[in-house]
Amino acid sequence: AIAMASQLICALWWDSAGWFGLEQVPFTLQKGLGVLALIGGIIV
C-alpha cells in the first residue's frame, strides 16, 4: 500500500512536470485530493 501511494505520488509529480519525456498533464485539485484520499486510506 505504501509502495502504491509512492508510485501514485511520483507519477502525478512527473506527469505534472512533464519529466522523462512524458506529455505534461496539468495538476488539478481533484488529482491532489485523490492522492490524499489514498494516503488517508493507508493511515486508516
Full PDB file with SEQRES, HELIX, SHEET, SSBOND, CRYST1, ORIGX, SCALE, CONECT and MASTER records, all heavy atoms in Angstrom:
SEQRES   1 A   44  ALA ILE ALA MET ALA SER GLN LEU ILE CYS ALA LEU TRP          
SEQRES   2 A   44  TRP ASP SER ALA GLY TRP PHE GLY LEU GLU GLN VAL PRO          
SEQRES   3 A   44  PHE THR LEU GLN LYS GLY LEU GLY VAL LEU ALA LEU ILE          
SEQRES   4 A   44  GLY GLY ILE ILE VAL                                          
HELIX    1 AA1 ILE A    2  ALA A   17  1                                  16    
HELIX    2 AA2 TRP A   19  GLY A   21  5                                   3    
HELIX    3 AA3 LEU A   29  ILE A   43  1                                  15    
CRYST1    1.000    1.000    1.000  90.00  90.00  90.00 P 1           1          
ORIGX1      1.000000  0.000000  0.000000        0.00000                         
ORIGX2      0.000000  1.000000  0.000000        0.00000                         
ORIGX3      0.000000  0.000000  1.000000        0.00000                         
SCALE1      1.000000  0.000000  0.000000        0.00000                         
SCALE2      0.000000  1.000000  0.000000        0.00000                         
SCALE3      0.000000  0.000000  1.000000        0.00000                         
ATOM      1  N   ALA A   1       0.835  -1.212   0.000  1.00  0.00           N  
ATOM      2  CA  ALA A   1       0.000   0.000   0.000  1.00  0.00           C  
ATOM      3  C   ALA A   1       0.865   1.256   0.000  1.00  0.00           C  
ATOM      4  O   ALA A   1       0.591   2.215  -0.740  1.00  0.00           O  
ATOM      5  CB  ALA A   1      -0.940  -0.006   1.200  1.00  0.00           C  
ATOM      6  N   ILE A   2       1.910   1.255   0.803  1.00  0.00           N  
ATOM      7  CA  ILE A   2       2.806   2.415   0.834  1.00  0.00           C  
ATOM      8  C   ILE A   2       3.529   2.558  -0.505  1.00  0.00           C  
ATOM      9  O   ILE A   2       3.670   3.668  -1.029  1.00  0.00           O  
ATOM     10  CB  ILE A   2       3.795   2.305   2.010  1.00  0.00           C  
ATOM     11  CG1 ILE A   2       3.034   2.486   3.329  1.00  0.00           C  
ATOM     12  CG2 ILE A   2       4.913   3.335   1.892  1.00  0.00           C  
ATOM     13  CD1 ILE A   2       3.861   2.224   4.559  1.00  0.00           C  
ATOM     14  N   ALA A   3       3.975   1.448  -1.072  1.00  0.00           N  
ATOM     15  CA  ALA A   3       4.627   1.496  -2.387  1.00  0.00           C  
ATOM     16  C   ALA A   3       3.670   2.036  -3.449  1.00  0.00           C  
ATOM     17  O   ALA A   3       4.064   2.833  -4.302  1.00  0.00           O  
ATOM     18  CB  ALA A   3       5.141   0.111  -2.775  1.00  0.00           C  
ATOM     19  N   MET A   4       2.417   1.611  -3.381  1.00  0.00           N  
ATOM     20  CA  MET A   4       1.415   2.081  -4.345  1.00  0.00           C  
ATOM     21  C   MET A   4       1.195   3.591  -4.202  1.00  0.00           C  
ATOM     22  O   MET A   4       1.109   4.314  -5.205  1.00  0.00           O  
ATOM     23  CB  MET A   4       0.099   1.340  -4.135  1.00  0.00           C  
ATOM     24  CG  MET A   4      -0.969   1.699  -5.138  1.00  0.00           C  
ATOM     25  SD  MET A   4      -2.489   0.754  -4.930  1.00  0.00           S  
ATOM     26  CE  MET A   4      -3.015   1.264  -3.309  1.00  0.00           C  
ATOM     27  N   ALA A   5       1.116   4.071  -2.963  1.00  0.00           N  
ATOM     28  CA  ALA A   5       0.948   5.506  -2.745  1.00  0.00           C  
ATOM     29  C   ALA A   5       2.159   6.268  -3.276  1.00  0.00           C  
ATOM     30  O   ALA A   5       2.016   7.315  -3.922  1.00  0.00           O  
ATOM     31  CB  ALA A   5       0.738   5.789  -1.262  1.00  0.00           C  
ATOM     32  N   SER A   6       3.347   5.733  -3.042  1.00  0.00           N  
ATOM     33  CA  SER A   6       4.566   6.368  -3.543  1.00  0.00           C  
ATOM     34  C   SER A   6       4.572   6.417  -5.065  1.00  0.00           C  
ATOM     35  O   SER A   6       4.941   7.428  -5.665  1.00  0.00           O  
ATOM     36  CB  SER A   6       5.779   5.602  -3.020  1.00  0.00           C  
ATOM     37  OG  SER A   6       6.964   6.102  -3.578  1.00  0.00           O  
ATOM     38  N   GLN A   7       4.152   5.326  -5.701  1.00  0.00           N  
ATOM     39  CA  GLN A   7       4.079   5.297  -7.166  1.00  0.00           C  
ATOM     40  C   GLN A   7       3.119   6.358  -7.682  1.00  0.00           C  
ATOM     41  O   GLN A   7       3.416   7.057  -8.657  1.00  0.00           O  
ATOM     42  CB  GLN A   7       3.604   3.927  -7.648  1.00  0.00           C  
ATOM     43  CG  GLN A   7       4.613   2.828  -7.484  1.00  0.00           C  
ATOM     44  CD  GLN A   7       4.041   1.469  -7.896  1.00  0.00           C  
ATOM     45  OE1 GLN A   7       2.987   1.384  -8.504  1.00  0.00           O  
ATOM     46  NE2 GLN A   7       4.749   0.425  -7.544  1.00  0.00           N  
ATOM     47  N   LEU A   8       1.971   6.471  -7.035  1.00  0.00           N  
ATOM     48  CA  LEU A   8       0.977   7.440  -7.485  1.00  0.00           C  
ATOM     49  C   LEU A   8       1.475   8.870  -7.309  1.00  0.00           C  
ATOM     50  O   LEU A   8       1.316   9.708  -8.205  1.00  0.00           O  
ATOM     51  CB  LEU A   8      -0.336   7.226  -6.724  1.00  0.00           C  
ATOM     52  CG  LEU A   8      -1.507   8.081  -7.166  1.00  0.00           C  
ATOM     53  CD1 LEU A   8      -1.832   7.854  -8.640  1.00  0.00           C  
ATOM     54  CD2 LEU A   8      -2.728   7.779  -6.321  1.00  0.00           C  
ATOM     55  N   ILE A   9       2.090   9.148  -6.169  1.00  0.00           N  
ATOM     56  CA  ILE A   9       2.620  10.497  -5.922  1.00  0.00           C  
ATOM     57  C   ILE A   9       3.685  10.844  -6.957  1.00  0.00           C  
ATOM     58  O   ILE A   9       3.662  11.925  -7.550  1.00  0.00           O  
ATOM     59  CB  ILE A   9       3.183  10.607  -4.490  1.00  0.00           C  
ATOM     60  CG1 ILE A   9       2.044  10.555  -3.468  1.00  0.00           C  
ATOM     61  CG2 ILE A   9       4.002  11.882  -4.319  1.00  0.00           C  
ATOM     62  CD1 ILE A   9       2.510  10.318  -2.038  1.00  0.00           C  
ATOM     63  N   CYS A  10       4.625   9.929  -7.189  1.00  0.00           N  
ATOM     64  CA  CYS A  10       5.694  10.188  -8.158  1.00  0.00           C  
ATOM     65  C   CYS A  10       5.146  10.317  -9.575  1.00  0.00           C  
ATOM     66  O   CYS A  10       5.566  11.205 -10.321  1.00  0.00           O  
ATOM     67  CB  CYS A  10       6.750   9.090  -8.079  1.00  0.00           C  
ATOM     68  SG  CYS A  10       7.723   9.153  -6.566  1.00  0.00           S  
ATOM     69  N   ALA A  11       4.213   9.455  -9.944  1.00  0.00           N  
ATOM     70  CA  ALA A  11       3.627   9.535 -11.289  1.00  0.00           C  
ATOM     71  C   ALA A  11       2.906  10.870 -11.486  1.00  0.00           C  
ATOM     72  O   ALA A  11       3.037  11.504 -12.545  1.00  0.00           O  
ATOM     73  CB  ALA A  11       2.672   8.374 -11.520  1.00  0.00           C  
ATOM     74  N   LEU A  12       2.174  11.308 -10.478  1.00  0.00           N  
ATOM     75  CA  LEU A  12       1.470  12.592 -10.567  1.00  0.00           C  
ATOM     76  C   LEU A  12       2.467  13.737 -10.701  1.00  0.00           C  
ATOM     77  O   LEU A  12       2.294  14.643 -11.522  1.00  0.00           O  
ATOM     78  CB  LEU A  12       0.577  12.786  -9.336  1.00  0.00           C  
ATOM     79  CG  LEU A  12      -0.186  14.105  -9.249  1.00  0.00           C  
ATOM     80  CD1 LEU A  12      -1.128  14.272 -10.439  1.00  0.00           C  
ATOM     81  CD2 LEU A  12      -0.959  14.192  -7.942  1.00  0.00           C  
ATOM     82  N   TRP A  13       3.515  13.683  -9.913  1.00  0.00           N  
ATOM     83  CA  TRP A  13       4.551  14.720  -9.941  1.00  0.00           C  
ATOM     84  C   TRP A  13       5.221  14.757 -11.312  1.00  0.00           C  
ATOM     85  O   TRP A  13       5.359  15.810 -11.931  1.00  0.00           O  
ATOM     86  CB  TRP A  13       5.534  14.419  -8.831  1.00  0.00           C  
ATOM     87  CG  TRP A  13       6.682  15.376  -8.654  1.00  0.00           C  
ATOM     88  CD1 TRP A  13       6.804  16.654  -9.158  1.00  0.00           C  
ATOM     89  CD2 TRP A  13       7.872  15.141  -7.914  1.00  0.00           C  
ATOM     90  NE1 TRP A  13       7.990  17.205  -8.766  1.00  0.00           N  
ATOM     91  CE2 TRP A  13       8.669  16.309  -8.008  1.00  0.00           C  
ATOM     92  CE3 TRP A  13       8.351  14.065  -7.186  1.00  0.00           C  
ATOM     93  CZ2 TRP A  13       9.913  16.419  -7.389  1.00  0.00           C  
ATOM     94  CZ3 TRP A  13       9.587  14.191  -6.568  1.00  0.00           C  
ATOM     95  CH2 TRP A  13      10.344  15.349  -6.667  1.00  0.00           C  
ATOM     96  N   TRP A  14       5.640  13.580 -11.816  1.00  0.00           N  
ATOM     97  CA  TRP A  14       6.343  13.535 -13.099  1.00  0.00           C  
ATOM     98  C   TRP A  14       5.427  13.877 -14.258  1.00  0.00           C  
ATOM     99  O   TRP A  14       5.851  14.537 -15.209  1.00  0.00           O  
ATOM    100  CB  TRP A  14       6.995  12.177 -13.295  1.00  0.00           C  
ATOM    101  CG  TRP A  14       8.049  11.893 -12.255  1.00  0.00           C  
ATOM    102  CD1 TRP A  14       8.860  12.811 -11.633  1.00  0.00           C  
ATOM    103  CD2 TRP A  14       8.382  10.637 -11.697  1.00  0.00           C  
ATOM    104  NE1 TRP A  14       9.677  12.193 -10.726  1.00  0.00           N  
ATOM    105  CE2 TRP A  14       9.409  10.848 -10.737  1.00  0.00           C  
ATOM    106  CE3 TRP A  14       7.931   9.347 -11.898  1.00  0.00           C  
ATOM    107  CZ2 TRP A  14       9.973   9.823 -10.011  1.00  0.00           C  
ATOM    108  CZ3 TRP A  14       8.508   8.319 -11.166  1.00  0.00           C  
ATOM    109  CH2 TRP A  14       9.520   8.562 -10.237  1.00  0.00           C  
ATOM    110  N   ASP A  15       4.171  13.438 -14.213  1.00  0.00           N  
ATOM    111  CA  ASP A  15       3.203  13.827 -15.250  1.00  0.00           C  
ATOM    112  C   ASP A  15       2.993  15.337 -15.254  1.00  0.00           C  
ATOM    113  O   ASP A  15       2.975  15.974 -16.308  1.00  0.00           O  
ATOM    114  CB  ASP A  15       1.845  13.157 -15.024  1.00  0.00           C  
ATOM    115  CG  ASP A  15       1.721  11.802 -15.698  1.00  0.00           C  
ATOM    116  OD1 ASP A  15       2.609  11.451 -16.497  1.00  0.00           O  
ATOM    117  OD2 ASP A  15       0.733  11.110 -15.420  1.00  0.00           O  
ATOM    118  N   SER A  16       2.818  15.892 -14.069  1.00  0.00           N  
ATOM    119  CA  SER A  16       2.551  17.335 -13.961  1.00  0.00           C  
ATOM    120  C   SER A  16       3.738  18.163 -14.430  1.00  0.00           C  
ATOM    121  O   SER A  16       3.566  19.255 -14.974  1.00  0.00           O  
ATOM    122  CB  SER A  16       2.207  17.705 -12.517  1.00  0.00           C  
ATOM    123  OG  SER A  16       1.015  17.057 -12.119  1.00  0.00           O  
ATOM    124  N   ALA A  17       4.950  17.662 -14.202  1.00  0.00           N  
ATOM    125  CA  ALA A  17       6.148  18.384 -14.618  1.00  0.00           C  
ATOM    126  C   ALA A  17       6.552  18.067 -16.057  1.00  0.00           C  
ATOM    127  O   ALA A  17       7.343  18.798 -16.653  1.00  0.00           O  
ATOM    128  CB  ALA A  17       7.308  18.046 -13.679  1.00  0.00           C  
ATOM    129  N   GLY A  18       6.009  16.982 -16.611  1.00  0.00           N  
ATOM    130  CA  GLY A  18       6.382  16.580 -17.965  1.00  0.00           C  
ATOM    131  C   GLY A  18       7.802  16.034 -18.044  1.00  0.00           C  
ATOM    132  O   GLY A  18       8.462  16.145 -19.071  1.00  0.00           O  
ATOM    133  N   TRP A  19       8.290  15.426 -16.971  1.00  0.00           N  
ATOM    134  CA  TRP A  19       9.652  14.896 -16.926  1.00  0.00           C  
ATOM    135  C   TRP A  19       9.763  13.590 -17.702  1.00  0.00           C  
ATOM    136  O   TRP A  19       8.783  12.903 -17.955  1.00  0.00           O  
ATOM    137  CB  TRP A  19      10.080  14.663 -15.494  1.00  0.00           C  
ATOM    138  CG  TRP A  19      10.289  15.920 -14.700  1.00  0.00           C  
ATOM    139  CD1 TRP A  19      10.244  17.208 -15.159  1.00  0.00           C  
ATOM    140  CD2 TRP A  19      10.565  16.007 -13.308  1.00  0.00           C  
ATOM    141  NE1 TRP A  19      10.464  18.082 -14.133  1.00  0.00           N  
ATOM    142  CE2 TRP A  19      10.672  17.375 -12.984  1.00  0.00           C  
ATOM    143  CE3 TRP A  19      10.723  15.078 -12.306  1.00  0.00           C  
ATOM    144  CZ2 TRP A  19      10.938  17.820 -11.694  1.00  0.00           C  
ATOM    145  CZ3 TRP A  19      10.988  15.522 -11.025  1.00  0.00           C  
ATOM    146  CH2 TRP A  19      11.103  16.875 -10.736  1.00  0.00           C  
ATOM    147  N   PHE A  20      10.994  13.233 -18.015  1.00  0.00           N  
ATOM    148  CA  PHE A  20      11.341  11.968 -18.665  1.00  0.00           C  
ATOM    149  C   PHE A  20      10.646  11.809 -20.019  1.00  0.00           C  
ATOM    150  O   PHE A  20      10.348  10.702 -20.442  1.00  0.00           O  
ATOM    151  CB  PHE A  20      11.021  10.765 -17.767  1.00  0.00           C  
ATOM    152  CG  PHE A  20      11.647  10.846 -16.411  1.00  0.00           C  
ATOM    153  CD1 PHE A  20      10.871  10.900 -15.278  1.00  0.00           C  
ATOM    154  CD2 PHE A  20      13.027  10.862 -16.276  1.00  0.00           C  
ATOM    155  CE1 PHE A  20      11.444  10.980 -14.019  1.00  0.00           C  
ATOM    156  CE2 PHE A  20      13.610  10.951 -15.011  1.00  0.00           C  
ATOM    157  CZ  PHE A  20      12.826  10.999 -13.887  1.00  0.00           C  
ATOM    158  N   GLY A  21      10.381  12.909 -20.675  1.00  0.00           N  
ATOM    159  CA  GLY A  21       9.757  12.847 -21.985  1.00  0.00           C  
ATOM    160  C   GLY A  21       8.266  12.586 -21.964  1.00  0.00           C  
ATOM    161  O   GLY A  21       7.674  12.314 -23.005  1.00  0.00           O  
ATOM    162  N   LEU A  22       7.653  12.659 -20.785  1.00  0.00           N  
ATOM    163  CA  LEU A  22       6.208  12.449 -20.680  1.00  0.00           C  
ATOM    164  C   LEU A  22       5.463  13.692 -21.144  1.00  0.00           C  
ATOM    165  O   LEU A  22       5.952  14.815 -21.015  1.00  0.00           O  
ATOM    166  CB  LEU A  22       5.802  12.144 -19.231  1.00  0.00           C  
ATOM    167  CG  LEU A  22       6.377  10.878 -18.620  1.00  0.00           C  
ATOM    168  CD1 LEU A  22       6.049  10.812 -17.143  1.00  0.00           C  
ATOM    169  CD2 LEU A  22       5.823   9.651 -19.331  1.00  0.00           C  
ATOM    170  N   GLU A  23       4.281  13.485 -21.658  1.00  0.00           N  
ATOM    171  CA  GLU A  23       3.435  14.612 -22.013  1.00  0.00           C  
ATOM    172  C   GLU A  23       2.983  15.280 -20.721  1.00  0.00           C  
ATOM    173  O   GLU A  23       2.522  14.612 -19.786  1.00  0.00           O  
ATOM    174  CB  GLU A  23       2.208  14.118 -22.784  1.00  0.00           C  
ATOM    175  CG  GLU A  23       1.277  15.227 -23.211  1.00  0.00           C  
ATOM    176  CD  GLU A  23       0.050  14.699 -23.951  1.00  0.00           C  
ATOM    177  OE1 GLU A  23       0.134  13.601 -24.522  1.00  0.00           O  
ATOM    178  OE2 GLU A  23      -0.970  15.401 -23.929  1.00  0.00           O  
ATOM    179  N   GLN A  24       3.148  16.597 -20.635  1.00  0.00           N  
ATOM    180  CA  GLN A  24       2.801  17.309 -19.412  1.00  0.00           C  
ATOM    181  C   GLN A  24       1.288  17.327 -19.223  1.00  0.00           C  
ATOM    182  O   GLN A  24       0.539  17.711 -20.117  1.00  0.00           O  
ATOM    183  CB  GLN A  24       3.336  18.738 -19.430  1.00  0.00           C  
ATOM    184  CG  GLN A  24       3.199  19.431 -18.103  1.00  0.00           C  
ATOM    185  CD  GLN A  24       3.954  20.761 -18.063  1.00  0.00           C  
ATOM    186  OE1 GLN A  24       4.480  21.217 -19.083  1.00  0.00           O  
ATOM    187  NE2 GLN A  24       4.006  21.376 -16.911  1.00  0.00           N  
ATOM    188  N   VAL A  25       0.855  16.846 -18.058  1.00  0.00           N  
ATOM    189  CA  VAL A  25      -0.560  16.805 -17.702  1.00  0.00           C  
ATOM    190  C   VAL A  25      -0.750  17.764 -16.532  1.00  0.00           C  
ATOM    191  O   VAL A  25      -0.104  17.605 -15.498  1.00  0.00           O  
ATOM    192  CB  VAL A  25      -0.989  15.373 -17.303  1.00  0.00           C  
ATOM    193  CG1 VAL A  25      -2.436  15.338 -16.887  1.00  0.00           C  
ATOM    194  CG2 VAL A  25      -0.719  14.399 -18.436  1.00  0.00           C  
ATOM    195  N   PRO A  26      -1.610  18.765 -16.681  1.00  0.00           N  
ATOM    196  CA  PRO A  26      -1.753  19.753 -15.606  1.00  0.00           C  
ATOM    197  C   PRO A  26      -2.209  19.125 -14.283  1.00  0.00           C  
ATOM    198  O   PRO A  26      -3.052  18.233 -14.257  1.00  0.00           O  
ATOM    199  CB  PRO A  26      -2.830  20.710 -16.134  1.00  0.00           C  
ATOM    200  CG  PRO A  26      -2.946  20.436 -17.590  1.00  0.00           C  
ATOM    201  CD  PRO A  26      -2.478  19.034 -17.813  1.00  0.00           C  
ATOM    202  N   PHE A  27      -1.595  19.594 -13.199  1.00  0.00           N  
ATOM    203  CA  PHE A  27      -2.006  19.180 -11.861  1.00  0.00           C  
ATOM    204  C   PHE A  27      -3.335  19.852 -11.542  1.00  0.00           C  
ATOM    205  O   PHE A  27      -3.527  21.020 -11.830  1.00  0.00           O  
ATOM    206  CB  PHE A  27      -0.950  19.604 -10.830  1.00  0.00           C  
ATOM    207  CG  PHE A  27      -1.324  19.241  -9.429  1.00  0.00           C  
ATOM    208  CD1 PHE A  27      -1.055  17.971  -8.946  1.00  0.00           C  
ATOM    209  CD2 PHE A  27      -1.948  20.152  -8.599  1.00  0.00           C  
ATOM    210  CE1 PHE A  27      -1.398  17.616  -7.647  1.00  0.00           C  
ATOM    211  CE2 PHE A  27      -2.299  19.808  -7.307  1.00  0.00           C  
ATOM    212  CZ  PHE A  27      -2.026  18.541  -6.827  1.00  0.00           C  
ATOM    213  N   THR A  28      -4.273  19.103 -10.982  1.00  0.00           N  
ATOM    214  CA  THR A  28      -5.565  19.668 -10.585  1.00  0.00           C  
ATOM    215  C   THR A  28      -5.825  19.354  -9.122  1.00  0.00           C  
ATOM    216  O   THR A  28      -5.232  18.428  -8.546  1.00  0.00           O  
ATOM    217  CB  THR A  28      -6.716  19.076 -11.424  1.00  0.00           C  
ATOM    218  OG1 THR A  28      -6.814  17.668 -11.162  1.00  0.00           O  
ATOM    219  CG2 THR A  28      -6.522  19.317 -12.914  1.00  0.00           C  
ATOM    220  N   LEU A  29      -6.713  20.114  -8.525  1.00  0.00           N  
ATOM    221  CA  LEU A  29      -7.101  19.874  -7.142  1.00  0.00           C  
ATOM    222  C   LEU A  29      -7.689  18.473  -6.994  1.00  0.00           C  
ATOM    223  O   LEU A  29      -7.420  17.775  -6.010  1.00  0.00           O  
ATOM    224  CB  LEU A  29      -8.123  20.932  -6.698  1.00  0.00           C  
ATOM    225  CG  LEU A  29      -8.639  20.815  -5.266  1.00  0.00           C  
ATOM    226  CD1 LEU A  29      -7.498  20.937  -4.262  1.00  0.00           C  
ATOM    227  CD2 LEU A  29      -9.708  21.854  -4.993  1.00  0.00           C  
ATOM    228  N   GLN A  30      -8.457  18.042  -7.966  1.00  0.00           N  
ATOM    229  CA  GLN A  30      -9.066  16.707  -7.932  1.00  0.00           C  
ATOM    230  C   GLN A  30      -7.991  15.614  -7.851  1.00  0.00           C  
ATOM    231  O   GLN A  30      -8.124  14.662  -7.080  1.00  0.00           O  
ATOM    232  CB  GLN A  30      -9.946  16.520  -9.158  1.00  0.00           C  
ATOM    233  CG  GLN A  30     -10.682  15.200  -9.193  1.00  0.00           C  
ATOM    234  CD  GLN A  30     -11.552  15.071 -10.439  1.00  0.00           C  
ATOM    235  OE1 GLN A  30     -11.451  15.851 -11.376  1.00  0.00           O  
ATOM    236  NE2 GLN A  30     -12.409  14.074 -10.452  1.00  0.00           N  
ATOM    237  N   LYS A  31      -6.922  15.752  -8.627  1.00  0.00           N  
ATOM    238  CA  LYS A  31      -5.843  14.766  -8.594  1.00  0.00           C  
ATOM    239  C   LYS A  31      -5.140  14.794  -7.236  1.00  0.00           C  
ATOM    240  O   LYS A  31      -4.815  13.745  -6.677  1.00  0.00           O  
ATOM    241  CB  LYS A  31      -4.850  15.025  -9.723  1.00  0.00           C  
ATOM    242  CG  LYS A  31      -5.423  14.731 -11.094  1.00  0.00           C  
ATOM    243  CD  LYS A  31      -4.444  15.100 -12.184  1.00  0.00           C  
ATOM    244  CE  LYS A  31      -5.092  14.918 -13.543  1.00  0.00           C  
ATOM    245  NZ  LYS A  31      -4.265  15.394 -14.633  1.00  0.00           N  
ATOM    246  N   GLY A  32      -4.892  15.980  -6.729  1.00  0.00           N  
ATOM    247  CA  GLY A  32      -4.264  16.107  -5.412  1.00  0.00           C  
ATOM    248  C   GLY A  32      -5.112  15.499  -4.314  1.00  0.00           C  
ATOM    249  O   GLY A  32      -4.598  14.802  -3.426  1.00  0.00           O  
ATOM    250  N   LEU A  33      -6.409  15.720  -4.368  1.00  0.00           N  
ATOM    251  CA  LEU A  33      -7.315  15.135  -3.369  1.00  0.00           C  
ATOM    252  C   LEU A  33      -7.363  13.620  -3.490  1.00  0.00           C  
ATOM    253  O   LEU A  33      -7.468  12.906  -2.485  1.00  0.00           O  
ATOM    254  CB  LEU A  33      -8.724  15.724  -3.513  1.00  0.00           C  
ATOM    255  CG  LEU A  33      -8.878  17.191  -3.087  1.00  0.00           C  
ATOM    256  CD1 LEU A  33     -10.293  17.690  -3.421  1.00  0.00           C  
ATOM    257  CD2 LEU A  33      -8.571  17.371  -1.614  1.00  0.00           C  
ATOM    258  N   GLY A  34      -7.280  13.102  -4.710  1.00  0.00           N  
ATOM    259  CA  GLY A  34      -7.252  11.650  -4.909  1.00  0.00           C  
ATOM    260  C   GLY A  34      -6.037  11.025  -4.242  1.00  0.00           C  
ATOM    261  O   GLY A  34      -6.143   9.990  -3.576  1.00  0.00           O  
ATOM    262  N   VAL A  35      -4.884  11.644  -4.396  1.00  0.00           N  
ATOM    263  CA  VAL A  35      -3.669  11.142  -3.751  1.00  0.00           C  
ATOM    264  C   VAL A  35      -3.810  11.230  -2.234  1.00  0.00           C  
ATOM    265  O   VAL A  35      -3.461  10.290  -1.507  1.00  0.00           O  
ATOM    266  CB  VAL A  35      -2.430  11.925  -4.242  1.00  0.00           C  
ATOM    267  CG1 VAL A  35      -1.201  11.588  -3.411  1.00  0.00           C  
ATOM    268  CG2 VAL A  35      -2.163  11.633  -5.708  1.00  0.00           C  
ATOM    269  N   LEU A  36      -4.332  12.342  -1.736  1.00  0.00           N  
ATOM    270  CA  LEU A  36      -4.525  12.483  -0.286  1.00  0.00           C  
ATOM    271  C   LEU A  36      -5.517  11.458   0.251  1.00  0.00           C  
ATOM    272  O   LEU A  36      -5.336  10.933   1.355  1.00  0.00           O  
ATOM    273  CB  LEU A  36      -4.988  13.904   0.048  1.00  0.00           C  
ATOM    274  CG  LEU A  36      -3.935  14.997  -0.119  1.00  0.00           C  
ATOM    275  CD1 LEU A  36      -4.552  16.372   0.145  1.00  0.00           C  
ATOM    276  CD2 LEU A  36      -2.750  14.752   0.797  1.00  0.00           C  
ATOM    277  N   ALA A  37      -6.554  11.153  -0.528  1.00  0.00           N  
ATOM    278  CA  ALA A  37      -7.523  10.128  -0.105  1.00  0.00           C  
ATOM    279  C   ALA A  37      -6.853   8.764   0.002  1.00  0.00           C  
ATOM    280  O   ALA A  37      -7.105   8.006   0.942  1.00  0.00           O  
ATOM    281  CB  ALA A  37      -8.702  10.078  -1.076  1.00  0.00           C  
ATOM    282  N   LEU A  38      -5.988   8.448  -0.949  1.00  0.00           N  
ATOM    283  CA  LEU A  38      -5.270   7.178  -0.905  1.00  0.00           C  
ATOM    284  C   LEU A  38      -4.373   7.116   0.331  1.00  0.00           C  
ATOM    285  O   LEU A  38      -4.362   6.116   1.056  1.00  0.00           O  
ATOM    286  CB  LEU A  38      -4.439   6.992  -2.178  1.00  0.00           C  
ATOM    287  CG  LEU A  38      -3.594   5.725  -2.234  1.00  0.00           C  
ATOM    288  CD1 LEU A  38      -4.484   4.486  -2.261  1.00  0.00           C  
ATOM    289  CD2 LEU A  38      -2.690   5.734  -3.431  1.00  0.00           C  
ATOM    290  N   ILE A  39      -3.626   8.176   0.583  1.00  0.00           N  
ATOM    291  CA  ILE A  39      -2.756   8.212   1.764  1.00  0.00           C  
ATOM    292  C   ILE A  39      -3.590   8.124   3.036  1.00  0.00           C  
ATOM    293  O   ILE A  39      -3.238   7.399   3.970  1.00  0.00           O  
ATOM    294  CB  ILE A  39      -1.881   9.485   1.747  1.00  0.00           C  
ATOM    295  CG1 ILE A  39      -0.898   9.402   0.573  1.00  0.00           C  
ATOM    296  CG2 ILE A  39      -1.139   9.661   3.068  1.00  0.00           C  
ATOM    297  CD1 ILE A  39      -0.173  10.689   0.282  1.00  0.00           C  
ATOM    298  N   GLY A  40      -4.721   8.830   3.065  1.00  0.00           N  
ATOM    299  CA  GLY A  40      -5.620   8.746   4.218  1.00  0.00           C  
ATOM    300  C   GLY A  40      -6.126   7.330   4.420  1.00  0.00           C  
ATOM    301  O   GLY A  40      -6.218   6.851   5.562  1.00  0.00           O  
ATOM    302  N   GLY A  41      -6.424   6.633   3.342  1.00  0.00           N  
ATOM    303  CA  GLY A  41      -6.877   5.248   3.445  1.00  0.00           C  
ATOM    304  C   GLY A  41      -5.809   4.345   4.038  1.00  0.00           C  
ATOM    305  O   GLY A  41      -6.100   3.462   4.849  1.00  0.00           O  
ATOM    306  N   ILE A  42      -4.561   4.573   3.672  1.00  0.00           N  
ATOM    307  CA  ILE A  42      -3.463   3.777   4.232  1.00  0.00           C  
ATOM    308  C   ILE A  42      -3.333   4.037   5.728  1.00  0.00           C  
ATOM    309  O   ILE A  42      -3.156   3.111   6.523  1.00  0.00           O  
ATOM    310  CB  ILE A  42      -2.141   4.087   3.494  1.00  0.00           C  
ATOM    311  CG1 ILE A  42      -2.225   3.587   2.057  1.00  0.00           C  
ATOM    312  CG2 ILE A  42      -0.950   3.474   4.225  1.00  0.00           C  
ATOM    313  CD1 ILE A  42      -1.092   4.061   1.174  1.00  0.00           C  
ATOM    314  N   ILE A  43      -3.466   5.295   6.120  1.00  0.00           N  
ATOM    315  CA  ILE A  43      -3.382   5.639   7.546  1.00  0.00           C  
ATOM    316  C   ILE A  43      -4.523   4.997   8.317  1.00  0.00           C  
ATOM    317  O   ILE A  43      -4.320   4.402   9.377  1.00  0.00           O  
ATOM    318  CB  ILE A  43      -3.359   7.172   7.733  1.00  0.00           C  
ATOM    319  CG1 ILE A  43      -2.041   7.732   7.174  1.00  0.00           C  
ATOM    320  CG2 ILE A  43      -3.549   7.562   9.196  1.00  0.00           C  
ATOM    321  CD1 ILE A  43      -2.010   9.233   7.043  1.00  0.00           C  
ATOM    322  N   VAL A  44      -5.741   5.089   7.779  1.00  0.00           N  
ATOM    323  CA  VAL A  44      -6.898   4.464   8.434  1.00  0.00           C  
ATOM    324  C   VAL A  44      -6.694   2.951   8.514  1.00  0.00           C  
ATOM    325  O   VAL A  44      -6.972   2.331   9.542  1.00  0.00           O  
ATOM    326  CB  VAL A  44      -8.205   4.802   7.679  1.00  0.00           C  
ATOM    327  CG1 VAL A  44      -9.352   3.940   8.138  1.00  0.00           C  
ATOM    328  CG2 VAL A  44      -8.534   6.274   7.846  1.00  0.00           C  
TER     329      VAL A  44                                                      
MASTER        0    0    0    3    0    0    0    6  328    1    0    4          
END                                                                             
